[in-house]
């Protein structure tokens, strides 16, 4: 089954229209500054998320909490997801 990739249910044409509107509103000289600012913000968010994950992992290791339960749950969820994909693959509608 071939499916087209969508980002938040937005097609390529819709992304193009949004980019055109952004270009018209802010002008060609401001778009790189806006993109740079968004990139820095996304990087900061990613770094903060990684720091939080690291702190949680460190705390779990210090307190000797068993994390094998979460691994087992993730494996079971993956199996159920795969089974569901196999079952609904032929029934799924294409948009």
PDB file of N, CA and C in Angstrom:
ATOM      1  N   UNK A   1       0.847  -1.159   0.000  1.00  0.00           N
ATOM      2  CA  UNK A   1       0.000   0.000   0.000  1.00  0.00           C
ATOM      3  C   UNK A   1       0.902   1.234   0.000  1.00  0.00           C
ATOM      4  N   UNK A   2       0.667   2.127  -0.910  1.00  0.00           N
ATOM      5  CA  UNK A   2       1.445   3.355  -1.003  1.00  0.00           C
ATOM      6  C   UNK A   2       0.611   4.496  -0.448  1.00  0.00           C
ATOM      7  N   UNK A   3       1.189   5.207   0.510  1.00  0.00           N
ATOM      8  CA  UNK A   3       0.508   6.359   1.095  1.00  0.00           C
ATOM      9  C   UNK A   3       1.424   7.562   0.975  1.00  0.00           C
ATOM     10  N   UNK A   4       0.843   8.714   0.714  1.00  0.00           N
ATOM     11  CA  UNK A   4       1.648   9.916   0.653  1.00  0.00           C
ATOM     12  C   UNK A   4       1.883  10.436   2.065  1.00  0.00           C
ATOM     13  N   UNK A   5       3.065  10.982   2.281  1.00  0.00           N
ATOM     14  CA  UNK A   5       3.403  11.520   3.592  1.00  0.00           C
ATOM     15  C   UNK A   5       2.741  12.878   3.769  1.00  0.00           C
ATOM     16  N   UNK A   6       2.119  13.063   4.904  1.00  0.00           N
ATOM     17  CA  UNK A   6       1.507  14.352   5.208  1.00  0.00           C
ATOM     18  C   UNK A   6       2.044  14.846   6.528  1.00  0.00           C
ATOM     19  N   UNK A   7       2.140  16.130   6.678  1.00  0.00           N
ATOM     20  CA  UNK A   7       2.611  16.745   7.907  1.00  0.00           C
ATOM     21  C   UNK A   7       1.437  17.462   8.528  1.00  0.00           C
ATOM     22  N   UNK A   8       0.916  16.899   9.609  1.00  0.00           N
ATOM     23  CA  UNK A   8      -0.239  17.454  10.305  1.00  0.00           C
ATOM     24  C   UNK A   8      -1.427  17.621   9.364  1.00  0.00           C
ATOM     25  N   UNK A   9      -1.602  16.681   8.478  1.00  0.00           N
ATOM     26  CA  UNK A   9      -2.708  16.649   7.535  1.00  0.00           C
ATOM     27  C   UNK A   9      -2.713  17.849   6.588  1.00  0.00           C
ATOM     28  N   UNK A  10      -1.539  18.369   6.269  1.00  0.00           N
ATOM     29  CA  UNK A  10      -1.413  19.490   5.347  1.00  0.00           C
ATOM     30  C   UNK A  10      -0.718  18.970   4.100  1.00  0.00           C
ATOM     31  N   UNK A  11      -1.301  19.227   2.944  1.00  0.00           N
ATOM     32  CA  UNK A  11      -0.702  18.751   1.701  1.00  0.00           C
ATOM     33  C   UNK A  11       0.348  19.739   1.212  1.00  0.00           C
ATOM     34  N   UNK A  12       1.058  19.358   0.176  1.00  0.00           N
ATOM     35  CA  UNK A  12       2.102  20.202  -0.393  1.00  0.00           C
ATOM     36  C   UNK A  12       1.573  21.517  -0.928  1.00  0.00           C
ATOM     37  N   UNK A  13       0.416  21.477  -1.566  1.00  0.00           N
ATOM     38  CA  UNK A  13      -0.179  22.701  -2.092  1.00  0.00           C
ATOM     39  C   UNK A  13      -0.549  23.685  -0.998  1.00  0.00           C
ATOM     40  N   UNK A  14      -1.076  23.167   0.085  1.00  0.00           N
ATOM     41  CA  UNK A  14      -1.448  24.031   1.209  1.00  0.00           C
ATOM     42  C   UNK A  14      -0.213  24.651   1.854  1.00  0.00           C
ATOM     43  N   UNK A  15       0.863  23.888   1.948  1.00  0.00           N
ATOM     44  CA  UNK A  15       2.112  24.434   2.482  1.00  0.00           C
ATOM     45  C   UNK A  15       2.616  25.550   1.578  1.00  0.00           C
ATOM     46  N   UNK A  16       2.512  25.351   0.264  1.00  0.00           N
ATOM     47  CA  UNK A  16       2.926  26.380  -0.687  1.00  0.00           C
ATOM     48  C   UNK A  16       2.128  27.662  -0.522  1.00  0.00           C
ATOM     49  N   UNK A  17       0.835  27.544  -0.334  1.00  0.00           N
ATOM     50  CA  UNK A  17      -0.014  28.725  -0.143  1.00  0.00           C
ATOM     51  C   UNK A  17       0.373  29.449   1.151  1.00  0.00           C
ATOM     52  N   UNK A  18       0.600  28.699   2.212  1.00  0.00           N
ATOM     53  CA  UNK A  18       0.999  29.308   3.481  1.00  0.00           C
ATOM     54  C   UNK A  18       2.332  30.043   3.315  1.00  0.00           C
ATOM     55  N   UNK A  19       3.289  29.421   2.633  1.00  0.00           N
ATOM     56  CA  UNK A  19       4.577  30.070   2.412  1.00  0.00           C
ATOM     57  C   UNK A  19       4.428  31.332   1.565  1.00  0.00           C
ATOM     58  N   UNK A  20       3.558  31.303   0.583  1.00  0.00           N
ATOM     59  CA  UNK A  20       3.312  32.480  -0.249  1.00  0.00           C
ATOM     60  C   UNK A  20       2.721  33.612   0.588  1.00  0.00           C
ATOM     61  N   UNK A  21       1.781  33.297   1.444  1.00  0.00           N
ATOM     62  CA  UNK A  21       1.169  34.318   2.312  1.00  0.00           C
ATOM     63  C   UNK A  21       2.218  34.891   3.263  1.00  0.00           C
ATOM     64  N   UNK A  22       3.073  34.034   3.831  1.00  0.00           N
ATOM     65  CA  UNK A  22       4.129  34.510   4.726  1.00  0.00           C
ATOM     66  C   UNK A  22       5.066  35.442   3.962  1.00  0.00           C
ATOM     67  N   UNK A  23       5.413  35.085   2.748  1.00  0.00           N
ATOM     68  CA  UNK A  23       6.283  35.917   1.925  1.00  0.00           C
ATOM     69  C   UNK A  23       5.650  37.265   1.636  1.00  0.00           C
ATOM     70  N   UNK A  24       4.341  37.267   1.363  1.00  0.00           N
ATOM     71  CA  UNK A  24       3.655  38.524   1.062  1.00  0.00           C
ATOM     72  C   UNK A  24       3.509  39.401   2.311  1.00  0.00           C
ATOM     73  N   UNK A  25       3.271  38.799   3.452  1.00  0.00           N
ATOM     74  CA  UNK A  25       3.045  39.573   4.676  1.00  0.00           C
ATOM     75  C   UNK A  25       4.356  40.152   5.218  1.00  0.00           C
ATOM     76  N   UNK A  26       5.390  39.323   5.304  1.00  0.00           N
ATOM     77  CA  UNK A  26       6.625  39.762   5.943  1.00  0.00           C
ATOM     78  C   UNK A  26       7.670  40.283   4.967  1.00  0.00           C
ATOM     79  N   UNK A  27       7.587  39.924   3.721  1.00  0.00           N
ATOM     80  CA  UNK A  27       8.573  40.365   2.747  1.00  0.00           C
ATOM     81  C   UNK A  27       9.757  39.418   2.686  1.00  0.00           C
ATOM     82  N   UNK A  28      10.443  39.460   1.556  1.00  0.00           N
ATOM     83  CA  UNK A  28      11.544  38.529   1.312  1.00  0.00           C
ATOM     84  C   UNK A  28      12.721  38.762   2.259  1.00  0.00           C
ATOM     85  N   UNK A  29      12.918  39.998   2.718  1.00  0.00           N
ATOM     86  CA  UNK A  29      14.069  40.262   3.574  1.00  0.00           C
ATOM     87  C   UNK A  29      13.870  39.789   5.010  1.00  0.00           C
ATOM     88  N   UNK A  30      12.629  39.637   5.473  1.00  0.00           N
ATOM     89  CA  UNK A  30      12.362  39.219   6.859  1.00  0.00           C
ATOM     90  C   UNK A  30      12.216  37.704   7.014  1.00  0.00           C
ATOM     91  N   UNK A  31      11.915  36.995   5.924  1.00  0.00           N
ATOM     92  CA  UNK A  31      11.661  35.552   6.016  1.00  0.00           C
ATOM     93  C   UNK A  31      12.880  34.794   6.560  1.00  0.00           C
ATOM     94  N   UNK A  32      14.113  35.068   6.095  1.00  0.00           N
ATOM     95  CA  UNK A  32      15.252  34.330   6.674  1.00  0.00           C
ATOM     96  C   UNK A  32      15.436  34.585   8.175  1.00  0.00           C
ATOM     97  N   UNK A  33      15.181  35.818   8.620  1.00  0.00           N
ATOM     98  CA  UNK A  33      15.304  36.119  10.048  1.00  0.00           C
ATOM     99  C   UNK A  33      14.257  35.345  10.853  1.00  0.00           C
ATOM    100  N   UNK A  34      13.052  35.271  10.325  1.00  0.00           N
ATOM    101  CA  UNK A  34      11.983  34.539  11.006  1.00  0.00           C
ATOM    102  C   UNK A  34      12.332  33.057  11.069  1.00  0.00           C
ATOM    103  N   UNK A  35      12.813  32.506   9.948  1.00  0.00           N
ATOM    104  CA  UNK A  35      13.175  31.085   9.912  1.00  0.00           C
ATOM    105  C   UNK A  35      14.329  30.798  10.877  1.00  0.00           C
ATOM    106  N   UNK A  36      15.302  31.700  10.941  1.00  0.00           N
ATOM    107  CA  UNK A  36      16.430  31.530  11.851  1.00  0.00           C
ATOM    108  C   UNK A  36      15.946  31.539  13.304  1.00  0.00           C
ATOM    109  N   UNK A  37      15.051  32.455  13.620  1.00  0.00           N
ATOM    110  CA  UNK A  37      14.503  32.521  14.973  1.00  0.00           C
ATOM    111  C   UNK A  37      13.714  31.278  15.335  1.00  0.00           C
ATOM    112  N   UNK A  38      12.914  30.783  14.380  1.00  0.00           N
ATOM    113  CA  UNK A  38      12.162  29.551  14.627  1.00  0.00           C
ATOM    114  C   UNK A  38      13.102  28.364  14.820  1.00  0.00           C
ATOM    115  N   UNK A  39      14.170  28.317  14.021  1.00  0.00           N
ATOM    116  CA  UNK A  39      15.150  27.238  14.158  1.00  0.00           C
ATOM    117  C   UNK A  39      15.829  27.255  15.512  1.00  0.00           C
ATOM    118  N   UNK A  40      16.213  28.460  15.972  1.00  0.00           N
ATOM    119  CA  UNK A  40      16.837  28.572  17.291  1.00  0.00           C
ATOM    120  C   UNK A  40      15.860  28.164  18.397  1.00  0.00           C
ATOM    121  N   UNK A  41      14.608  28.558  18.251  1.00  0.00           N
ATOM    122  CA  UNK A  41      13.605  28.188  19.244  1.00  0.00           C
ATOM    123  C   UNK A  41      13.377  26.689  19.288  1.00  0.00           C
ATOM    124  N   UNK A  42      13.321  26.067  18.122  1.00  0.00           N
ATOM    125  CA  UNK A  42      13.132  24.618  18.072  1.00  0.00           C
ATOM    126  C   UNK A  42      14.339  23.900  18.669  1.00  0.00           C
ATOM    127  N   UNK A  43      15.547  24.417  18.398  1.00  0.00           N
ATOM    128  CA  UNK A  43      16.759  23.808  18.950  1.00  0.00           C
ATOM    129  C   UNK A  43      16.770  23.928  20.479  1.00  0.00           C
ATOM    130  N   UNK A  44      16.372  25.078  20.988  1.00  0.00           N
ATOM    131  CA  UNK A  44      16.311  25.278  22.437  1.00  0.00           C
ATOM    132  C   UNK A  44      15.315  24.317  23.074  1.00  0.00           C
ATOM    133  N   UNK A  45      14.173  24.152  22.436  1.00  0.00           N
ATOM    134  CA  UNK A  45      13.163  23.225  22.942  1.00  0.00           C
ATOM    135  C   UNK A  45      13.687  21.791  22.938  1.00  0.00           C
ATOM    136  N   UNK A  46      14.376  21.406  21.865  1.00  0.00           N
ATOM    137  CA  UNK A  46      14.921  20.059  21.773  1.00  0.00           C
ATOM    138  C   UNK A  46      15.985  19.835  22.850  1.00  0.00           C
ATOM    139  N   UNK A  47      16.852  20.827  23.056  1.00  0.00           N
ATOM    140  CA  UNK A  47      17.878  20.703  24.093  1.00  0.00           C
ATOM    141  C   UNK A  47      17.254  20.581  25.482  1.00  0.00           C
ATOM    142  N   UNK A  48      16.215  21.388  25.749  1.00  0.00           N
ATOM    143  CA  UNK A  48      15.544  21.313  27.045  1.00  0.00           C
ATOM    144  C   UNK A  48      14.898  19.950  27.248  1.00  0.00           C
ATOM    145  N   UNK A  49      14.298  19.417  26.195  1.00  0.00           N
ATOM    146  CA  UNK A  49      13.679  18.095  26.280  1.00  0.00           C
ATOM    147  C   UNK A  49      14.724  17.026  26.573  1.00  0.00           C
ATOM    148  N   UNK A  50      15.863  17.109  25.881  1.00  0.00           N
ATOM    149  CA  UNK A  50      16.931  16.135  26.123  1.00  0.00           C
ATOM    150  C   UNK A  50      17.490  16.257  27.539  1.00  0.00           C
ATOM    151  N   UNK A  51      17.596  17.475  28.056  1.00  0.00           N
ATOM    152  CA  UNK A  51      18.056  17.667  29.432  1.00  0.00           C
ATOM    153  C   UNK A  51      17.093  17.037  30.429  1.00  0.00           C
ATOM    154  N   UNK A  52      15.805  17.225  30.207  1.00  0.00           N
ATOM    155  CA  UNK A  52      14.803  16.639  31.099  1.00  0.00           C
ATOM    156  C   UNK A  52      14.862  15.120  31.046  1.00  0.00           C
ATOM    157  N   UNK A  53      14.985  14.572  29.839  1.00  0.00           N
ATOM    158  CA  UNK A  53      15.099  13.111  29.714  1.00  0.00           C
ATOM    159  C   UNK A  53      16.336  12.600  30.446  1.00  0.00           C
ATOM    160  N   UNK A  54      17.447  13.319  30.306  1.00  0.00           N
ATOM    161  CA  UNK A  54      18.678  12.912  30.977  1.00  0.00           C
ATOM    162  C   UNK A  54      18.539  12.946  32.491  1.00  0.00           C
ATOM    163  N   UNK A  55      17.892  13.979  33.005  1.00  0.00           N
ATOM    164  CA  UNK A  55      17.685  14.082  34.454  1.00  0.00           C
ATOM    165  C   UNK A  55      16.795  12.954  34.970  1.00  0.00           C
ATOM    166  N   UNK A  56      15.755  12.642  34.214  1.00  0.00           N
ATOM    167  CA  UNK A  56      14.861  11.552  34.630  1.00  0.00           C
ATOM    168  C   UNK A  56      15.613  10.230  34.621  1.00  0.00           C
ATOM    169  N   UNK A  57      16.394   9.998  33.567  1.00  0.00           N
ATOM    170  CA  UNK A  57      17.160   8.754  33.474  1.00  0.00           C
ATOM    171  C   UNK A  57      18.163   8.644  34.611  1.00  0.00           C
ATOM    172  N   UNK A  58      18.839   9.750  34.904  1.00  0.00           N
ATOM    173  CA  UNK A  58      19.828   9.756  35.999  1.00  0.00           C
ATOM    174  C   UNK A  58      19.146   9.484  37.337  1.00  0.00           C
ATOM    175  N   UNK A  59      18.000  10.082  37.564  1.00  0.00           N
ATOM    176  CA  UNK A  59      17.278   9.882  38.813  1.00  0.00           C
ATOM    177  C   UNK A  59      16.806   8.439  38.955  1.00  0.00           C
ATOM    178  N   UNK A  60      16.346   7.872  37.859  1.00  0.00           N
ATOM    179  CA  UNK A  60      15.889   6.475  37.880  1.00  0.00           C
ATOM    180  C   UNK A  60      17.048   5.553  38.206  1.00  0.00           C
ATOM    181  N   UNK A  61      18.213   5.810  37.612  1.00  0.00           N
ATOM    182  CA  UNK A  61      19.372   4.960  37.871  1.00  0.00           C
ATOM    183  C   UNK A  61      19.848   5.096  39.322  1.00  0.00           C
ATOM    184  N   UNK A  62      19.803   6.309  39.862  1.00  0.00           N
ATOM    185  CA  UNK A  62      20.248   6.523  41.240  1.00  0.00           C
ATOM    186  C   UNK A  62      19.341   5.821  42.240  1.00  0.00           C
ATOM    187  N   UNK A  63      18.058   5.792  41.950  1.00  0.00           N
ATOM    188  CA  UNK A  63      17.113   5.190  42.885  1.00  0.00           C
ATOM    189  C   UNK A  63      16.883   3.707  42.609  1.00  0.00           C
ATOM    190  N   UNK A  64      17.522   3.172  41.584  1.00  0.00           N
ATOM    191  CA  UNK A  64      17.419   1.746  41.290  1.00  0.00           C
ATOM    192  C   UNK A  64      16.042   1.298  40.862  1.00  0.00           C
ATOM    193  N   UNK A  65      15.318   2.151  40.158  1.00  0.00           N
ATOM    194  CA  UNK A  65      13.970   1.796  39.692  1.00  0.00           C
ATOM    195  C   UNK A  65      14.089   0.892  38.473  1.00  0.00           C
ATOM    196  N   UNK A  66      13.290  -0.170  38.467  1.00  0.00           N
ATOM    197  CA  UNK A  66      13.295  -1.137  37.362  1.00  0.00           C
ATOM    198  C   UNK A  66      12.495  -0.579  36.193  1.00  0.00           C
ATOM    199  N   UNK A  67      13.151  -0.381  35.055  1.00  0.00           N
ATOM    200  CA  UNK A  67      12.480   0.160  33.871  1.00  0.00           C
ATOM    201  C   UNK A  67      12.133  -0.916  32.852  1.00  0.00           C
ATOM    202  N   UNK A  68      12.361  -2.172  33.194  1.00  0.00           N
ATOM    203  CA  UNK A  68      12.060  -3.246  32.244  1.00  0.00           C
ATOM    204  C   UNK A  68      10.564  -3.346  31.971  1.00  0.00           C
ATOM    205  N   UNK A  69       9.746  -2.891  32.906  1.00  0.00           N
ATOM    206  CA  UNK A  69       8.296  -2.934  32.722  1.00  0.00           C
ATOM    207  C   UNK A  69       7.898  -2.052  31.536  1.00  0.00           C
ATOM    208  N   UNK A  70       8.497  -0.872  31.444  1.00  0.00           N
ATOM    209  CA  UNK A  70       8.151   0.020  30.336  1.00  0.00           C
ATOM    210  C   UNK A  70       8.608  -0.558  29.004  1.00  0.00           C
ATOM    211  N   UNK A  71       9.738  -1.253  28.995  1.00  0.00           N
ATOM    212  CA  UNK A  71      10.209  -1.880  27.760  1.00  0.00           C
ATOM    213  C   UNK A  71       9.235  -2.968  27.324  1.00  0.00           C
ATOM    214  N   UNK A  72       8.763  -3.759  28.287  1.00  0.00           N
ATOM    215  CA  UNK A  72       7.794  -4.813  27.972  1.00  0.00           C
ATOM    216  C   UNK A  72       6.493  -4.223  27.426  1.00  0.00           C
ATOM    217  N   UNK A  73       6.034  -3.143  28.040  1.00  0.00           N
ATOM    218  CA  UNK A  73       4.804  -2.498  27.592  1.00  0.00           C
ATOM    219  C   UNK A  73       4.987  -1.949  26.182  1.00  0.00           C
ATOM    220  N   UNK A  74       6.134  -1.316  25.913  1.00  0.00           N
ATOM    221  CA  UNK A  74       6.397  -0.792  24.574  1.00  0.00           C
ATOM    222  C   UNK A  74       6.442  -1.899  23.532  1.00  0.00           C
ATOM    223  N   UNK A  75       7.027  -3.035  23.875  1.00  0.00           N
ATOM    224  CA  UNK A  75       7.068  -4.162  22.947  1.00  0.00           C
ATOM    225  C   UNK A  75       5.658  -4.682  22.651  1.00  0.00           C
ATOM    226  N   UNK A  76       4.841  -4.809  23.688  1.00  0.00           N
ATOM    227  CA  UNK A  76       3.470  -5.271  23.501  1.00  0.00           C
ATOM    228  C   UNK A  76       2.662  -4.278  22.658  1.00  0.00           C
ATOM    229  N   UNK A  77       2.845  -2.987  22.928  1.00  0.00           N
ATOM    230  CA  UNK A  77       2.148  -1.971  22.126  1.00  0.00           C
ATOM    231  C   UNK A  77       2.563  -2.039  20.666  1.00  0.00           C
ATOM    232  N   UNK A  78       3.839  -2.279  20.422  1.00  0.00           N
ATOM    233  CA  UNK A  78       4.321  -2.393  19.041  1.00  0.00           C
ATOM    234  C   UNK A  78       3.689  -3.600  18.351  1.00  0.00           C
ATOM    235  N   UNK A  79       3.580  -4.719  19.087  1.00  0.00           N
ATOM    236  CA  UNK A  79       2.950  -5.905  18.511  1.00  0.00           C
ATOM    237  C   UNK A  79       1.487  -5.631  18.165  1.00  0.00           C
ATOM    238  N   UNK A  80       0.769  -4.981  19.083  1.00  0.00           N
ATOM    239  CA  UNK A  80      -0.641  -4.667  18.832  1.00  0.00           C
ATOM    240  C   UNK A  80      -0.771  -3.710  17.657  1.00  0.00           C
ATOM    241  N   UNK A  81       0.098  -2.738  17.578  1.00  0.00           N
ATOM    242  CA  UNK A  81       0.067  -1.795  16.469  1.00  0.00           C
ATOM    243  C   UNK A  81       0.315  -2.505  15.139  1.00  0.00           C
ATOM    244  N   UNK A  82       1.307  -3.401  15.116  1.00  0.00           N
ATOM    245  CA  UNK A  82       1.586  -4.146  13.889  1.00  0.00           C
ATOM    246  C   UNK A  82       0.404  -5.022  13.490  1.00  0.00           C
ATOM    247  N   UNK A  83      -0.205  -5.691  14.470  1.00  0.00           N
ATOM    248  CA  UNK A  83      -1.371  -6.518  14.188  1.00  0.00           C
ATOM    249  C   UNK A  83      -2.523  -5.675  13.652  1.00  0.00           C
ATOM    250  N   UNK A  84      -2.725  -4.516  14.230  1.00  0.00           N
ATOM    251  CA  UNK A  84      -3.783  -3.618  13.786  1.00  0.00           C
ATOM    252  C   UNK A  84      -3.515  -3.112  12.378  1.00  0.00           C
ATOM    253  N   UNK A  85      -2.266  -2.792  12.078  1.00  0.00           N
ATOM    254  CA  UNK A  85      -1.898  -2.354  10.722  1.00  0.00           C
ATOM    255  C   UNK A  85      -2.167  -3.470   9.714  1.00  0.00           C
ATOM    256  N   UNK A  86      -1.823  -4.710  10.081  1.00  0.00           N
ATOM    257  CA  UNK A  86      -2.073  -5.838   9.187  1.00  0.00           C
ATOM    258  C   UNK A  86      -3.567  -6.024   8.958  1.00  0.00           C
ATOM    259  N   UNK A  87      -4.355  -5.871  10.016  1.00  0.00           N
ATOM    260  CA  UNK A  87      -5.798  -6.084   9.927  1.00  0.00           C
ATOM    261  C   UNK A  87      -6.486  -4.980   9.140  1.00  0.00           C
ATOM    262  N   UNK A  88      -6.121  -3.732   9.388  1.00  0.00           N
ATOM    263  CA  UNK A  88      -6.820  -2.618   8.749  1.00  0.00           C
ATOM    264  C   UNK A  88      -6.180  -2.178   7.440  1.00  0.00           C
ATOM    265  N   UNK A  89      -5.059  -2.768   7.070  1.00  0.00           N
ATOM    266  CA  UNK A  89      -4.358  -2.353   5.860  1.00  0.00           C
ATOM    267  C   UNK A  89      -5.213  -2.430   4.614  1.00  0.00           C
ATOM    268  N   UNK A  90      -5.979  -3.500   4.465  1.00  0.00           N
ATOM    269  CA  UNK A  90      -6.787  -3.672   3.265  1.00  0.00           C
ATOM    270  C   UNK A  90      -8.101  -2.901   3.340  1.00  0.00           C
ATOM    271  N   UNK A  91      -8.487  -2.453   4.515  1.00  0.00           N
ATOM    272  CA  UNK A  91      -9.758  -1.782   4.688  1.00  0.00           C
ATOM    273  C   UNK A  91      -9.614  -0.261   4.682  1.00  0.00           C
ATOM    274  N   UNK A  92      -8.421   0.234   4.971  1.00  0.00           N
ATOM    275  CA  UNK A  92      -8.183   1.671   5.135  1.00  0.00           C
ATOM    276  C   UNK A  92      -8.529   2.439   3.851  1.00  0.00           C
ATOM    277  N   UNK A  93      -9.221   3.544   4.035  1.00  0.00           N
ATOM    278  CA  UNK A  93      -9.581   4.402   2.915  1.00  0.00           C
ATOM    279  C   UNK A  93      -8.410   5.331   2.614  1.00  0.00           C
ATOM    280  N   UNK A  94      -8.275   5.673   1.363  1.00  0.00           N
ATOM    281  CA  UNK A  94      -7.244   6.625   0.952  1.00  0.00           C
ATOM    282  C   UNK A  94      -7.895   7.974   0.740  1.00  0.00           C
ATOM    283  N   UNK A  95      -7.273   8.992   1.262  1.00  0.00           N
ATOM    284  CA  UNK A  95      -7.801  10.353   1.122  1.00  0.00           C
ATOM    285  C   UNK A  95      -7.022  11.115   0.093  1.00  0.00           C
TER     286      UNK A  95
END
